[in-house]
C-alpha atoms as a PDB file:
ATOM      1  CA  MET A   1      35.141  18.687  29.477  1.00  0.00           C
ATOM      2  CA  ASN A   2      35.172  14.952  30.016  1.00  0.00           C
ATOM      3  CA  ALA A   3      37.765  12.968  27.541  1.00  0.00           C
ATOM      4  CA  ILE A   4      36.637   9.905  28.847  1.00  0.00           C
ATOM      5  CA  MET A   5      33.894   7.830  26.876  1.00  0.00           C
ATOM      6  CA  THR A   6      31.223   5.801  29.013  1.00  0.00           C
ATOM      7  CA  ASN A   7      30.352   2.484  27.723  1.00  0.00           C
ATOM      8  CA  PHE A   8      26.893   4.090  27.145  1.00  0.00           C
ATOM      9  CA  ASP A   9      28.732   6.310  24.577  1.00  0.00           C
ATOM     10  CA  ILE A  10      30.194   3.776  22.897  1.00  0.00           C
ATOM     11  CA  GLU A  11      27.229   1.579  22.483  1.00  0.00           C
ATOM     12  CA  ASN A  12      25.365   4.833  20.947  1.00  0.00           C
ATOM     13  CA  ALA A  13      28.127   5.007  18.540  1.00  0.00           C
ATOM     14  CA  GLU A  14      27.882   1.363  17.475  1.00  0.00           C
ATOM     15  CA  ALA A  15      24.205   1.510  17.118  1.00  0.00           C
ATOM     16  CA  ARG A  16      24.591   4.714  14.880  1.00  0.00           C
ATOM     17  CA  GLY A  17      27.262   3.249  12.867  1.00  0.00           C
ATOM     18  CA  THR A  18      24.994  -0.159  11.918  1.00  0.00           C
ATOM     19  CA  ARG A  19      21.602   1.428  11.363  1.00  0.00           C
ATOM     20  CA  LYS A  20      20.350   0.107   8.465  1.00  0.00           C
ATOM     21  CA  TRP A  21      19.360   1.911   5.320  1.00  0.00           C
ATOM     22  CA  GLU A  22      16.544   0.562   3.683  1.00  0.00           C
ATOM     23  CA  GLY A  23      17.026   1.468   0.096  1.00  0.00           C
ATOM     24  CA  LEU A  24      20.489   0.952  -0.090  1.00  0.00           C
ATOM     25  CA  SER A  25      20.250  -2.588   1.793  1.00  0.00           C
ATOM     26  CA  GLU A  26      17.790  -3.610  -1.163  1.00  0.00           C
ATOM     27  CA  ILE A  27      20.107  -2.225  -3.897  1.00  0.00           C
ATOM     28  CA  ASP A  28      23.296  -4.010  -2.135  1.00  0.00           C
ATOM     29  CA  GLN A  29      21.294  -7.316  -1.946  1.00  0.00           C
ATOM     30  CA  ALA A  30      20.527  -6.915  -5.927  1.00  0.00           C
ATOM     31  CA  ILE A  31      24.208  -6.432  -6.556  1.00  0.00           C
ATOM     32  CA  ARG A  32      25.221  -8.967  -4.533  1.00  0.00           C
ATOM     33  CA  ASP A  33      22.689 -11.523  -6.141  1.00  0.00           C
ATOM     34  CA  ASN A  34      23.926 -10.341  -9.453  1.00  0.00           C
ATOM     35  CA  ARG A  35      20.276  -8.967 -10.461  1.00  0.00           C
ATOM     36  CA  LEU A  36      20.691  -5.211 -10.532  1.00  0.00           C
ATOM     37  CA  MET A  37      19.020  -5.241 -14.040  1.00  0.00           C
ATOM     38  CA  GLU A  38      15.810  -7.041 -13.214  1.00  0.00           C
ATOM     39  CA  TYR A  39      15.648  -4.827  -9.752  1.00  0.00           C
ATOM     40  CA  ARG A  40      16.010  -1.949 -11.977  1.00  0.00           C
ATOM     41  CA  ILE A  41      13.392  -3.309 -14.495  1.00  0.00           C
ATOM     42  CA  LYS A  42      11.028  -4.180 -11.496  1.00  0.00           C
ATOM     43  CA  LYS A  43      11.283  -0.646 -10.038  1.00  0.00           C
ATOM     44  CA  SER A  44      10.880   1.510 -13.072  1.00  0.00           C
ATOM     45  CA  TRP A  45       7.808  -0.755 -14.140  1.00  0.00           C
ATOM     46  CA  ALA A  46       6.154   0.214 -10.978  1.00  0.00           C
ATOM     47  CA  ASP A  47       6.334   3.708 -11.749  1.00  0.00           C
ATOM     48  CA  PRO A  48       3.398   4.824 -13.745  1.00  0.00           C
ATOM     49  CA  TRP A  49       5.229   7.481 -15.816  1.00  0.00           C
ATOM     50  CA  SER A  50       8.363   4.990 -16.469  1.00  0.00           C
ATOM     51  CA  ARG A  51       6.029   2.614 -17.404  1.00  0.00           C
ATOM     52  CA  ALA A  52       3.960   4.949 -19.892  1.00  0.00           C
ATOM     53  CA  LEU A  53       7.395   5.953 -21.472  1.00  0.00           C
ATOM     54  CA  THR A  54       8.066   2.453 -22.008  1.00  0.00           C
ATOM     55  CA  VAL A  55       5.026   1.742 -23.933  1.00  0.00           C
ATOM     56  CA  ALA A  56       5.363   4.868 -25.879  1.00  0.00           C
ATOM     57  CA  VAL A  57       9.121   4.260 -26.933  1.00  0.00           C
ATOM     58  CA  LEU A  58       8.096   0.538 -27.973  1.00  0.00           C
ATOM     59  CA  LEU A  59       4.898   1.693 -29.739  1.00  0.00           C
ATOM     60  CA  LEU A  60       7.067   4.191 -31.351  1.00  0.00           C
ATOM     61  CA  LEU A  61       9.556   1.471 -32.222  1.00  0.00           C
ATOM     62  CA  ALA A  62       7.001  -0.873 -33.559  1.00  0.00           C
ATOM     63  CA  ILE A  63       5.313   1.775 -35.746  1.00  0.00           C
ATOM     64  CA  PHE A  64       8.780   2.536 -37.387  1.00  0.00           C
ATOM     65  CA  ALA A  65       9.811  -1.046 -37.825  1.00  0.00           C
ATOM     66  CA  GLY A  66       6.320  -1.332 -39.639  1.00  0.00           C
ATOM     67  CA  PHE A  67       6.915   1.629 -42.095  1.00  0.00           C
ATOM     68  CA  VAL A  68      10.197   0.366 -42.725  1.00  0.00           C
ATOM     69  CA  LEU A  69       8.796  -2.837 -43.732  1.00  0.00           C
ATOM     70  CA  TYR A  70       5.661  -1.320 -45.755  1.00  0.00           C
ATOM     71  CA  TRP A  71       8.152   0.905 -47.567  1.00  0.00           C
ATOM     72  CA  ASP A  72      11.090  -1.393 -48.175  1.00  0.00           C
ATOM     73  CA  VAL A  73       9.503  -5.066 -48.526  1.00  0.00           C
ATOM     74  CA  LEU A  74       5.841  -4.528 -49.573  1.00  0.00           C
ATOM     75  CA  LYS A  75       6.006  -1.473 -51.524  1.00  0.00           C
ATOM     76  CA  GLY A  76       9.063  -1.603 -53.138  1.00  0.00           C
END
């Protein structure tokens, strides 16, 4: 076994160590710009299932608020 690292081995190790991770670099940039919440909202709105769930929850909250308003204020 050869214990001496050649220049090729050193350059190869450096290239592997500085490999860019697309998803992680985007999150890192969002954290750096202090806009992580905006990043999460945009990503979740882009997902059709998450968007449907968000709309359904907001609709249920609006229906509940309308019911409470009707029951307490208009009827009572």
